[in-house]
Amino acid sequence: MSLFGKRVTPEEKLKKFKQSIRKSCSEIERERVRLVNQETKMKAEMKRLAAKGETDSVMIIAKDLVRNRAAMKKFLKLSSQLEGLGLRIETIKAQSGVTSALKGAAGAMSQLNRMVNVPQMQAIMMKFMQENEMMDMKSEMVDEQMDDLWDEEGDMEDESVAAYSQI
């Protein structure tokens, strides 16, 4: 619960955490760019001092340059780790969405299962099978009647041909 009693949802927490990570990454990037600029200035300063022959000063700046590069590497590593964490947050958010979708689907399936009356469904299927068999029998009877009718016409045709041949 927050200060005024409003509960913060996990999605809101993830969103705030992701914003925080993005903000940190941009701050780290700003600092890294500042270090890159500082490195170019150090190199120019080292060249200027080397031209004057001040090797001690060049060595001190060279040590600072090495520390500066180590800091840049640490910033890159930290930025990479934060971006990886952001990707993990996105993965968790996606998994949460899938979980809620599966939960909804399971609820819908459960509700449909409660609506289906298995004994009633079996009775309907039995009635359908009986009616289908009756229709098949009636269809066979009509087919037989039609065959008989065509056979009688065939006999009449044979008789007609026989009568014609007699003439």
Foldseek 3Di string as FASTA:
>chain_A
DDPVPDDDDPVNVLVVVLVVLVVVLVVLVVVLVVLVVVLVVLVVVLVVVVVVVNVVVNVVSVVVNVVSVVSSVVSVVVSVVSVVVNVVSVVVVVVVVVVVVVVVVVVVVVVVVVVDDVVVVVVVVVVVVVVVVVVVVVVVVVVVVVVVVVVVVVVVVVVVVVVVVVD
